[in-house]
């Protein structure tokens, strides 16, 4: 059941819960799991949060509870309606002033830290201050990985499956480890620019509307593989061929449409005559396709 909590996809989570029910020797506990855990797993497991970096970041209501606590401490039933309103307005103004101060530091303040490569630190300084603190913490964590004897992750692109990357969509300690000590230099100037542009026009609200489409793909792939292996285990070659042909007929139009749209976007950028934008687009496309191509080659 602990594994089910941290499973990324719904089908995988439900499979683990079924496994826990099947292996449970006590009938009353089986019924309890079925009633209170299986039917409402969307309310307590992490697969429901994987589509949203914001939901992965916000794991408590401490900030809101702190506001309410201070509100209760500064107000009293003896104040009357007008007095209570004055207290609420005063507290609200204080919170707004604190927010304005943080907003000012968001774009202007630069972090100072020891033990981080100067070239990496210069790129980190181009991010908002709260992001600088997170990135330097991840960069410094590489030394702890080395002390524990961990080897380089052998990443081939700036995509990682760790919790930090899924929450913030920023370089994590594994990417920094590969950059500093690995064979592949992942953080090129174009890649740094791509990360920095996330915050060009907005702050952390960028995460409120950014969804990880990779979760949907993983869910579909896991469901497809599950159906395939069920058919394969029956040993019926005819049924397997029918399934594969149906799958191919469903996927080919999608893949062809995707290729057409990709080419259309490329030629729009190419027509503008901006070599820098063209190179950025090609590098982003390469970073998206390389993991897939490497996986195909491996198979």
C-alpha atoms as a PDB file:
ATOM      1  CA  UNK A   1       0.000   0.000   0.000  1.00  0.00           C
ATOM      2  CA  UNK A   2       2.959   2.311   0.613  1.00  0.00           C
ATOM      3  CA  UNK A   3       4.100   1.700  -2.969  1.00  0.00           C
ATOM      4  CA  UNK A   4       0.600   2.522  -4.179  1.00  0.00           C
ATOM      5  CA  UNK A   5       0.799   5.968  -2.574  1.00  0.00           C
ATOM      6  CA  UNK A   6       3.817   6.938  -4.673  1.00  0.00           C
ATOM      7  CA  UNK A   7       2.782   5.299  -7.951  1.00  0.00           C
ATOM      8  CA  UNK A   8       2.672   7.830 -10.824  1.00  0.00           C
ATOM      9  CA  UNK A   9      -0.139   6.302 -12.847  1.00  0.00           C
ATOM     10  CA  UNK A  10      -3.677   5.275 -11.898  1.00  0.00           C
ATOM     11  CA  UNK A  11      -3.549   1.828 -13.479  1.00  0.00           C
ATOM     12  CA  UNK A  12      -0.312   1.031 -11.631  1.00  0.00           C
ATOM     13  CA  UNK A  13      -1.767   2.258  -8.342  1.00  0.00           C
ATOM     14  CA  UNK A  14      -4.920   0.179  -8.723  1.00  0.00           C
ATOM     15  CA  UNK A  15      -2.844  -2.898  -9.597  1.00  0.00           C
ATOM     16  CA  UNK A  16      -0.836  -2.500  -6.376  1.00  0.00           C
ATOM     17  CA  UNK A  17      -4.011  -2.109  -4.292  1.00  0.00           C
ATOM     18  CA  UNK A  18      -5.479  -5.264  -5.853  1.00  0.00           C
ATOM     19  CA  UNK A  19      -2.225  -7.069  -5.066  1.00  0.00           C
ATOM     20  CA  UNK A  20      -2.437  -5.921  -1.428  1.00  0.00           C
ATOM     21  CA  UNK A  21      -6.045  -7.170  -1.229  1.00  0.00           C
ATOM     22  CA  UNK A  22      -5.160 -10.556  -2.752  1.00  0.00           C
ATOM     23  CA  UNK A  23      -2.213 -11.093  -0.393  1.00  0.00           C
ATOM     24  CA  UNK A  24      -4.016  -9.944   2.748  1.00  0.00           C
ATOM     25  CA  UNK A  25      -4.871 -13.004   4.926  1.00  0.00           C
ATOM     26  CA  UNK A  26      -7.565 -11.282   7.022  1.00  0.00           C
ATOM     27  CA  UNK A  27     -10.966 -10.990   5.357  1.00  0.00           C
ATOM     28  CA  UNK A  28     -12.090  -7.984   7.429  1.00  0.00           C
ATOM     29  CA  UNK A  29      -8.977  -6.014   6.409  1.00  0.00           C
ATOM     30  CA  UNK A  30      -9.595  -6.949   2.764  1.00  0.00           C
ATOM     31  CA  UNK A  31     -13.071  -5.478   2.974  1.00  0.00           C
ATOM     32  CA  UNK A  32     -11.720  -2.385   4.731  1.00  0.00           C
ATOM     33  CA  UNK A  33      -9.150  -1.760   1.924  1.00  0.00           C
ATOM     34  CA  UNK A  34     -11.796  -2.262  -0.750  1.00  0.00           C
ATOM     35  CA  UNK A  35     -14.229   0.120   0.935  1.00  0.00           C
ATOM     36  CA  UNK A  36     -11.930   2.923   2.091  1.00  0.00           C
ATOM     37  CA  UNK A  37      -8.888   2.776  -0.202  1.00  0.00           C
ATOM     38  CA  UNK A  38      -9.660   1.215  -3.565  1.00  0.00           C
ATOM     39  CA  UNK A  39     -12.761   3.174  -4.604  1.00  0.00           C
ATOM     40  CA  UNK A  40     -11.433   6.593  -3.554  1.00  0.00           C
ATOM     41  CA  UNK A  41      -7.729   6.282  -4.418  1.00  0.00           C
ATOM     42  CA  UNK A  42      -7.943   9.597  -6.305  1.00  0.00           C
ATOM     43  CA  UNK A  43      -8.252  11.317  -2.915  1.00  0.00           C
ATOM     44  CA  UNK A  44      -5.083  10.015  -1.264  1.00  0.00           C
ATOM     45  CA  UNK A  45      -2.459   8.842  -3.777  1.00  0.00           C
ATOM     46  CA  UNK A  46       0.117  10.882  -5.649  1.00  0.00           C
ATOM     47  CA  UNK A  47      -0.906   9.904  -9.180  1.00  0.00           C
ATOM     48  CA  UNK A  48      -3.643  12.556  -8.995  1.00  0.00           C
ATOM     49  CA  UNK A  49      -0.997  15.265  -8.412  1.00  0.00           C
ATOM     50  CA  UNK A  50       1.507  14.303 -11.114  1.00  0.00           C
ATOM     51  CA  UNK A  51      -0.200  16.389 -13.824  1.00  0.00           C
ATOM     52  CA  UNK A  52       0.389  19.640 -11.925  1.00  0.00           C
ATOM     53  CA  UNK A  53       3.759  20.925 -10.625  1.00  0.00           C
ATOM     54  CA  UNK A  54       1.801  23.359  -8.423  1.00  0.00           C
ATOM     55  CA  UNK A  55      -0.016  20.538  -6.615  1.00  0.00           C
ATOM     56  CA  UNK A  56       3.312  18.772  -6.107  1.00  0.00           C
ATOM     57  CA  UNK A  57       4.744  21.962  -4.561  1.00  0.00           C
ATOM     58  CA  UNK A  58       1.834  22.818  -2.268  1.00  0.00           C
ATOM     59  CA  UNK A  59       1.598  19.973   0.228  1.00  0.00           C
ATOM     60  CA  UNK A  60       0.163  21.879   3.219  1.00  0.00           C
ATOM     61  CA  UNK A  61      -2.047  24.843   4.169  1.00  0.00           C
ATOM     62  CA  UNK A  62       0.520  26.325   6.564  1.00  0.00           C
ATOM     63  CA  UNK A  63       0.589  29.776   4.926  1.00  0.00           C
ATOM     64  CA  UNK A  64      -3.195  30.139   5.097  1.00  0.00           C
ATOM     65  CA  UNK A  65      -3.339  28.739   8.635  1.00  0.00           C
ATOM     66  CA  UNK A  66      -0.640  31.212   9.696  1.00  0.00           C
ATOM     67  CA  UNK A  67      -2.764  34.092   8.384  1.00  0.00           C
ATOM     68  CA  UNK A  68      -5.834  32.814  10.249  1.00  0.00           C
ATOM     69  CA  UNK A  69      -3.808  32.291  13.429  1.00  0.00           C
ATOM     70  CA  UNK A  70      -2.503  35.857  13.361  1.00  0.00           C
ATOM     71  CA  UNK A  71      -6.011  37.106  12.616  1.00  0.00           C
ATOM     72  CA  UNK A  72      -7.383  35.310  15.669  1.00  0.00           C
ATOM     73  CA  UNK A  73      -4.533  36.606  17.845  1.00  0.00           C
ATOM     74  CA  UNK A  74      -5.043  40.271  16.905  1.00  0.00           C
ATOM     75  CA  UNK A  75      -8.839  40.382  16.990  1.00  0.00           C
ATOM     76  CA  UNK A  76     -11.295  39.979  19.855  1.00  0.00           C
ATOM     77  CA  UNK A  77     -15.103  39.799  20.249  1.00  0.00           C
ATOM     78  CA  UNK A  78     -14.819  42.958  22.369  1.00  0.00           C
ATOM     79  CA  UNK A  79     -13.668  45.030  19.364  1.00  0.00           C
ATOM     80  CA  UNK A  80     -17.086  45.186  17.748  1.00  0.00           C
ATOM     81  CA  UNK A  81     -17.693  45.040  13.983  1.00  0.00           C
ATOM     82  CA  UNK A  82     -15.839  48.271  13.132  1.00  0.00           C
ATOM     83  CA  UNK A  83     -12.873  47.432  15.360  1.00  0.00           C
ATOM     84  CA  UNK A  84     -12.623  43.907  13.898  1.00  0.00           C
ATOM     85  CA  UNK A  85     -12.736  45.351  10.359  1.00  0.00           C
ATOM     86  CA  UNK A  86      -9.882  47.732  11.208  1.00  0.00           C
ATOM     87  CA  UNK A  87      -7.795  44.830  12.531  1.00  0.00           C
ATOM     88  CA  UNK A  88      -8.474  42.744   9.417  1.00  0.00           C
ATOM     89  CA  UNK A  89      -7.574  45.637   7.078  1.00  0.00           C
ATOM     90  CA  UNK A  90      -4.360  46.316   9.077  1.00  0.00           C
ATOM     91  CA  UNK A  91      -3.288  42.684   8.881  1.00  0.00           C
ATOM     92  CA  UNK A  92      -4.144  42.511   5.187  1.00  0.00           C
ATOM     93  CA  UNK A  93      -2.062  45.642   4.523  1.00  0.00           C
ATOM     94  CA  UNK A  94       0.876  44.124   6.418  1.00  0.00           C
ATOM     95  CA  UNK A  95       0.682  40.957   4.341  1.00  0.00           C
ATOM     96  CA  UNK A  96       0.556  43.021   1.138  1.00  0.00           C
ATOM     97  CA  UNK A  97       3.633  45.009   2.192  1.00  0.00           C
ATOM     98  CA  UNK A  98       5.478  41.762   2.909  1.00  0.00           C
ATOM     99  CA  UNK A  99       4.403  40.501  -0.509  1.00  0.00           C
ATOM    100  CA  UNK A 100       5.623  43.689  -2.231  1.00  0.00           C
ATOM    101  CA  UNK A 101       9.021  43.346  -0.521  1.00  0.00           C
ATOM    102  CA  UNK A 102       9.317  39.729  -1.643  1.00  0.00           C
ATOM    103  CA  UNK A 103       8.277  40.754  -5.180  1.00  0.00           C
ATOM    104  CA  UNK A 104      11.053  43.375  -5.250  1.00  0.00           C
ATOM    105  CA  UNK A 105      13.673  40.845  -4.169  1.00  0.00           C
ATOM    106  CA  UNK A 106      12.242  38.309  -6.621  1.00  0.00           C
ATOM    107  CA  UNK A 107      13.920  40.013  -9.599  1.00  0.00           C
ATOM    108  CA  UNK A 108      16.799  41.985  -8.056  1.00  0.00           C
ATOM    109  CA  UNK A 109      18.526  39.952  -5.348  1.00  0.00           C
ATOM    110  CA  UNK A 110      21.464  37.661  -6.174  1.00  0.00           C
ATOM    111  CA  UNK A 111      22.491  34.707  -4.069  1.00  0.00           C
ATOM    112  CA  UNK A 112      26.042  34.177  -2.801  1.00  0.00           C
ATOM    113  CA  UNK A 113      27.189  30.600  -2.242  1.00  0.00           C
ATOM    114  CA  UNK A 114      30.435  28.644  -1.960  1.00  0.00           C
ATOM    115  CA  UNK A 115      31.200  25.383  -3.700  1.00  0.00           C
ATOM    116  CA  UNK A 116      29.301  26.023  -6.946  1.00  0.00           C
ATOM    117  CA  UNK A 117      31.092  26.350 -10.261  1.00  0.00           C
ATOM    118  CA  UNK A 118      31.346  30.015 -11.294  1.00  0.00           C
ATOM    119  CA  UNK A 119      29.933  29.381 -14.770  1.00  0.00           C
ATOM    120  CA  UNK A 120      26.899  27.578 -13.316  1.00  0.00           C
ATOM    121  CA  UNK A 121      26.434  30.286 -10.677  1.00  0.00           C
ATOM    122  CA  UNK A 122      26.368  33.006 -13.348  1.00  0.00           C
ATOM    123  CA  UNK A 123      23.516  31.200 -15.104  1.00  0.00           C
ATOM    124  CA  UNK A 124      21.684  30.674 -11.798  1.00  0.00           C
ATOM    125  CA  UNK A 125      21.856  34.439 -11.132  1.00  0.00           C
ATOM    126  CA  UNK A 126      19.639  34.992 -14.184  1.00  0.00           C
ATOM    127  CA  UNK A 127      16.715  33.338 -12.363  1.00  0.00           C
ATOM    128  CA  UNK A 128      14.422  34.959  -9.762  1.00  0.00           C
ATOM    129  CA  UNK A 129      15.875  34.881  -6.238  1.00  0.00           C
ATOM    130  CA  UNK A 130      13.649  32.069  -4.809  1.00  0.00           C
ATOM    131  CA  UNK A 131      14.601  29.908  -7.800  1.00  0.00           C
ATOM    132  CA  UNK A 132      18.289  30.739  -7.249  1.00  0.00           C
ATOM    133  CA  UNK A 133      18.043  29.329  -3.724  1.00  0.00           C
ATOM    134  CA  UNK A 134      16.484  26.099  -4.972  1.00  0.00           C
ATOM    135  CA  UNK A 135      19.008  25.644  -7.791  1.00  0.00           C
ATOM    136  CA  UNK A 136      22.055  26.287  -5.593  1.00  0.00           C
ATOM    137  CA  UNK A 137      20.720  23.779  -3.079  1.00  0.00           C
ATOM    138  CA  UNK A 138      20.437  21.182  -5.847  1.00  0.00           C
ATOM    139  CA  UNK A 139      23.909  22.031  -7.194  1.00  0.00           C
ATOM    140  CA  UNK A 140      25.456  21.716  -3.702  1.00  0.00           C
ATOM    141  CA  UNK A 141      23.709  18.360  -3.232  1.00  0.00           C
ATOM    142  CA  UNK A 142      26.022  16.880  -5.879  1.00  0.00           C
ATOM    143  CA  UNK A 143      28.879  16.794  -3.338  1.00  0.00           C
ATOM    144  CA  UNK A 144      26.698  14.772  -0.962  1.00  0.00           C
ATOM    145  CA  UNK A 145      25.973  12.334  -3.773  1.00  0.00           C
ATOM    146  CA  UNK A 146      29.714  11.934  -4.333  1.00  0.00           C
ATOM    147  CA  UNK A 147      30.335  11.389  -0.607  1.00  0.00           C
ATOM    148  CA  UNK A 148      27.794   8.543  -0.683  1.00  0.00           C
ATOM    149  CA  UNK A 149      29.647   6.992  -3.610  1.00  0.00           C
ATOM    150  CA  UNK A 150      26.880   7.535  -6.140  1.00  0.00           C
ATOM    151  CA  UNK A 151      27.902   7.444  -9.792  1.00  0.00           C
ATOM    152  CA  UNK A 152      26.759   9.840 -12.518  1.00  0.00           C
ATOM    153  CA  UNK A 153      23.119   9.254 -13.588  1.00  0.00           C
ATOM    154  CA  UNK A 154      24.106   8.864 -17.274  1.00  0.00           C
ATOM    155  CA  UNK A 155      21.320  11.173 -18.396  1.00  0.00           C
ATOM    156  CA  UNK A 156      21.091  11.926 -22.107  1.00  0.00           C
ATOM    157  CA  UNK A 157      18.695  14.880 -21.869  1.00  0.00           C
ATOM    158  CA  UNK A 158      17.565  17.509 -19.374  1.00  0.00           C
ATOM    159  CA  UNK A 159      14.602  15.398 -18.298  1.00  0.00           C
ATOM    160  CA  UNK A 160      14.555  13.667 -14.932  1.00  0.00           C
ATOM    161  CA  UNK A 161      11.953  11.685 -13.023  1.00  0.00           C
ATOM    162  CA  UNK A 162      12.917  12.886  -9.537  1.00  0.00           C
ATOM    163  CA  UNK A 163      10.440  14.783  -7.357  1.00  0.00           C
ATOM    164  CA  UNK A 164      12.304  18.113  -7.650  1.00  0.00           C
ATOM    165  CA  UNK A 165      12.205  18.153 -11.464  1.00  0.00           C
ATOM    166  CA  UNK A 166       8.538  17.146 -11.549  1.00  0.00           C
ATOM    167  CA  UNK A 167       7.671  19.888  -9.063  1.00  0.00           C
ATOM    168  CA  UNK A 168       9.617  22.796 -10.527  1.00  0.00           C
ATOM    169  CA  UNK A 169      10.636  21.733 -14.098  1.00  0.00           C
ATOM    170  CA  UNK A 170      14.164  22.985 -13.321  1.00  0.00           C
ATOM    171  CA  UNK A 171      17.657  21.404 -13.312  1.00  0.00           C
ATOM    172  CA  UNK A 172      17.931  18.985 -10.387  1.00  0.00           C
ATOM    173  CA  UNK A 173      20.906  17.453  -8.569  1.00  0.00           C
ATOM    174  CA  UNK A 174      21.001  14.565 -11.045  1.00  0.00           C
ATOM    175  CA  UNK A 175      21.266  16.930 -14.007  1.00  0.00           C
ATOM    176  CA  UNK A 176      23.940  18.965 -12.207  1.00  0.00           C
ATOM    177  CA  UNK A 177      25.818  15.744 -11.370  1.00  0.00           C
ATOM    178  CA  UNK A 178      25.842  14.731 -15.021  1.00  0.00           C
ATOM    179  CA  UNK A 179      26.881  18.255 -16.038  1.00  0.00           C
ATOM    180  CA  UNK A 180      29.796  18.437 -13.587  1.00  0.00           C
ATOM    181  CA  UNK A 181      31.186  14.914 -13.688  1.00  0.00           C
ATOM    182  CA  UNK A 182      29.448  13.040 -16.497  1.00  0.00           C
ATOM    183  CA  UNK A 183      30.304  12.501 -20.129  1.00  0.00           C
ATOM    184  CA  UNK A 184      27.392  14.584 -21.442  1.00  0.00           C
ATOM    185  CA  UNK A 185      27.248  18.350 -20.904  1.00  0.00           C
ATOM    186  CA  UNK A 186      23.498  18.771 -20.694  1.00  0.00           C
ATOM    187  CA  UNK A 187      23.272  22.424 -19.633  1.00  0.00           C
ATOM    188  CA  UNK A 188      24.236  24.248 -22.803  1.00  0.00           C
ATOM    189  CA  UNK A 189      23.566  27.973 -23.197  1.00  0.00           C
ATOM    190  CA  UNK A 190      20.393  27.207 -25.175  1.00  0.00           C
ATOM    191  CA  UNK A 191      19.099  24.881 -22.455  1.00  0.00           C
ATOM    192  CA  UNK A 192      19.812  27.461 -19.737  1.00  0.00           C
ATOM    193  CA  UNK A 193      17.911  30.046 -21.782  1.00  0.00           C
ATOM    194  CA  UNK A 194      14.961  27.664 -22.104  1.00  0.00           C
ATOM    195  CA  UNK A 195      14.738  27.261 -18.324  1.00  0.00           C
ATOM    196  CA  UNK A 196      15.208  30.994 -17.681  1.00  0.00           C
ATOM    197  CA  UNK A 197      12.404  31.934 -20.072  1.00  0.00           C
ATOM    198  CA  UNK A 198       9.888  30.149 -17.856  1.00  0.00           C
ATOM    199  CA  UNK A 199       9.965  33.138 -15.491  1.00  0.00           C
ATOM    200  CA  UNK A 200      10.433  35.974 -17.990  1.00  0.00           C
ATOM    201  CA  UNK A 201       6.847  37.240 -17.884  1.00  0.00           C
ATOM    202  CA  UNK A 202       5.567  35.722 -14.648  1.00  0.00           C
ATOM    203  CA  UNK A 203       6.559  34.356 -11.267  1.00  0.00           C
ATOM    204  CA  UNK A 204       5.544  31.092  -9.649  1.00  0.00           C
ATOM    205  CA  UNK A 205       2.042  31.476 -11.088  1.00  0.00           C
ATOM    206  CA  UNK A 206       3.504  29.906 -14.220  1.00  0.00           C
ATOM    207  CA  UNK A 207       2.939  26.573 -12.447  1.00  0.00           C
ATOM    208  CA  UNK A 208      -0.804  27.145 -12.036  1.00  0.00           C
ATOM    209  CA  UNK A 209      -1.491  26.409 -15.712  1.00  0.00           C
ATOM    210  CA  UNK A 210       1.463  24.218 -16.632  1.00  0.00           C
ATOM    211  CA  UNK A 211       0.600  20.552 -16.868  1.00  0.00           C
ATOM    212  CA  UNK A 212       2.864  17.603 -17.476  1.00  0.00           C
ATOM    213  CA  UNK A 213       1.484  15.919 -20.582  1.00  0.00           C
ATOM    214  CA  UNK A 214       4.067  13.207 -19.980  1.00  0.00           C
ATOM    215  CA  UNK A 215       1.777  11.798 -17.280  1.00  0.00           C
ATOM    216  CA  UNK A 216      -1.000  11.272 -19.826  1.00  0.00           C
ATOM    217  CA  UNK A 217       1.417   9.538 -22.184  1.00  0.00           C
ATOM    218  CA  UNK A 218       2.686   7.280 -19.372  1.00  0.00           C
ATOM    219  CA  UNK A 219      -0.878   6.407 -18.421  1.00  0.00           C
ATOM    220  CA  UNK A 220      -1.790   5.500 -22.001  1.00  0.00           C
ATOM    221  CA  UNK A 221       1.412   3.504 -22.524  1.00  0.00           C
ATOM    222  CA  UNK A 222       0.898   1.547 -19.315  1.00  0.00           C
ATOM    223  CA  UNK A 223      -2.707   0.760 -20.220  1.00  0.00           C
ATOM    224  CA  UNK A 224      -1.672  -0.302 -23.752  1.00  0.00           C
ATOM    225  CA  UNK A 225       1.110  -2.556 -22.459  1.00  0.00           C
ATOM    226  CA  UNK A 226      -1.248  -4.066 -19.892  1.00  0.00           C
ATOM    227  CA  UNK A 227      -3.811  -4.977 -22.560  1.00  0.00           C
ATOM    228  CA  UNK A 228      -1.083  -6.333 -24.882  1.00  0.00           C
ATOM    229  CA  UNK A 229       0.415  -8.659 -22.256  1.00  0.00           C
ATOM    230  CA  UNK A 230      -3.030  -9.953 -21.279  1.00  0.00           C
ATOM    231  CA  UNK A 231      -3.569 -11.007 -24.910  1.00  0.00           C
ATOM    232  CA  UNK A 232       0.011 -12.289 -25.254  1.00  0.00           C
ATOM    233  CA  UNK A 233      -0.299 -14.507 -22.166  1.00  0.00           C
ATOM    234  CA  UNK A 234      -3.248 -16.337 -23.771  1.00  0.00           C
ATOM    235  CA  UNK A 235      -0.864 -17.565 -26.500  1.00  0.00           C
ATOM    236  CA  UNK A 236      -3.279 -16.655 -29.290  1.00  0.00           C
ATOM    237  CA  UNK A 237      -1.121 -15.293 -32.126  1.00  0.00           C
ATOM    238  CA  UNK A 238      -4.160 -14.336 -34.190  1.00  0.00           C
ATOM    239  CA  UNK A 239      -5.591 -12.162 -31.378  1.00  0.00           C
ATOM    240  CA  UNK A 240      -2.154 -10.600 -30.816  1.00  0.00           C
ATOM    241  CA  UNK A 241      -1.840  -9.677 -34.504  1.00  0.00           C
ATOM    242  CA  UNK A 242      -5.375  -8.214 -34.545  1.00  0.00           C
ATOM    243  CA  UNK A 243      -4.569  -6.064 -31.493  1.00  0.00           C
ATOM    244  CA  UNK A 244      -1.287  -4.814 -32.987  1.00  0.00           C
ATOM    245  CA  UNK A 245      -2.961  -3.965 -36.287  1.00  0.00           C
ATOM    246  CA  UNK A 246      -5.721  -2.042 -34.492  1.00  0.00           C
ATOM    247  CA  UNK A 247      -3.115  -0.225 -32.414  1.00  0.00           C
ATOM    248  CA  UNK A 248      -1.132   0.668 -35.536  1.00  0.00           C
ATOM    249  CA  UNK A 249      -4.243   1.972 -37.317  1.00  0.00           C
ATOM    250  CA  UNK A 250      -5.040   4.179 -34.307  1.00  0.00           C
ATOM    251  CA  UNK A 251      -1.527   5.560 -33.858  1.00  0.00           C
ATOM    252  CA  UNK A 252      -0.481   6.199 -37.460  1.00  0.00           C
ATOM    253  CA  UNK A 253      -2.883   9.150 -38.072  1.00  0.00           C
ATOM    254  CA  UNK A 254      -1.797  10.733 -34.767  1.00  0.00           C
ATOM    255  CA  UNK A 255       1.906  10.336 -35.541  1.00  0.00           C
ATOM    256  CA  UNK A 256       1.482  11.618 -39.098  1.00  0.00           C
ATOM    257  CA  UNK A 257      -0.457  14.646 -37.851  1.00  0.00           C
ATOM    258  CA  UNK A 258       2.210  15.291 -35.218  1.00  0.00           C
ATOM    259  CA  UNK A 259       4.956  15.211 -37.850  1.00  0.00           C
ATOM    260  CA  UNK A 260       3.011  17.593 -40.106  1.00  0.00           C
ATOM    261  CA  UNK A 261       2.477  20.067 -37.251  1.00  0.00           C
ATOM    262  CA  UNK A 262       6.140  19.854 -36.218  1.00  0.00           C
ATOM    263  CA  UNK A 263       7.280  20.582 -39.778  1.00  0.00           C
ATOM    264  CA  UNK A 264       4.785  23.448 -40.012  1.00  0.00           C
ATOM    265  CA  UNK A 265       6.155  25.059 -36.834  1.00  0.00           C
ATOM    266  CA  UNK A 266       9.736  24.597 -38.069  1.00  0.00           C
ATOM    267  CA  UNK A 267       9.095  26.316 -41.404  1.00  0.00           C
ATOM    268  CA  UNK A 268       7.301  29.211 -39.696  1.00  0.00           C
ATOM    269  CA  UNK A 269      10.393  29.838 -37.584  1.00  0.00           C
ATOM    270  CA  UNK A 270      12.713  29.292 -40.554  1.00  0.00           C
ATOM    271  CA  UNK A 271      10.838  31.851 -42.651  1.00  0.00           C
ATOM    272  CA  UNK A 272      11.563  34.556 -40.072  1.00  0.00           C
ATOM    273  CA  UNK A 273      15.261  34.189 -40.833  1.00  0.00           C
ATOM    274  CA  UNK A 274      16.208  34.063 -37.146  1.00  0.00           C
ATOM    275  CA  UNK A 275      18.973  31.456 -36.891  1.00  0.00           C
ATOM    276  CA  UNK A 276      19.019  31.626 -33.090  1.00  0.00           C
ATOM    277  CA  UNK A 277      15.296  30.798 -32.807  1.00  0.00           C
ATOM    278  CA  UNK A 278      15.702  27.995 -35.353  1.00  0.00           C
ATOM    279  CA  UNK A 279      18.585  26.463 -33.381  1.00  0.00           C
ATOM    280  CA  UNK A 280      16.621  26.701 -30.123  1.00  0.00           C
ATOM    281  CA  UNK A 281      13.622  24.929 -31.704  1.00  0.00           C
ATOM    282  CA  UNK A 282      15.821  22.154 -33.145  1.00  0.00           C
ATOM    283  CA  UNK A 283      17.608  21.653 -29.813  1.00  0.00           C
ATOM    284  CA  UNK A 284      14.290  21.429 -27.976  1.00  0.00           C
ATOM    285  CA  UNK A 285      12.971  18.962 -30.553  1.00  0.00           C
ATOM    286  CA  UNK A 286      16.154  16.914 -30.274  1.00  0.00           C
ATOM    287  CA  UNK A 287      15.937  16.845 -26.460  1.00  0.00           C
ATOM    288  CA  UNK A 288      12.342  15.563 -26.723  1.00  0.00           C
ATOM    289  CA  UNK A 289      13.060  12.886 -29.346  1.00  0.00           C
ATOM    290  CA  UNK A 290      16.438  11.560 -28.147  1.00  0.00           C
ATOM    291  CA  UNK A 291      15.082   9.565 -25.166  1.00  0.00           C
ATOM    292  CA  UNK A 292      12.499   7.906 -27.427  1.00  0.00           C
ATOM    293  CA  UNK A 293      15.036   7.124 -30.149  1.00  0.00           C
ATOM    294  CA  UNK A 294      17.558   5.786 -27.613  1.00  0.00           C
ATOM    295  CA  UNK A 295      14.851   3.565 -26.146  1.00  0.00           C
ATOM    296  CA  UNK A 296      14.011   2.201 -29.601  1.00  0.00           C
ATOM    297  CA  UNK A 297      17.701   1.513 -30.332  1.00  0.00           C
ATOM    298  CA  UNK A 298      18.088  -0.262 -26.997  1.00  0.00           C
ATOM    299  CA  UNK A 299      15.191  -2.549 -27.838  1.00  0.00           C
END
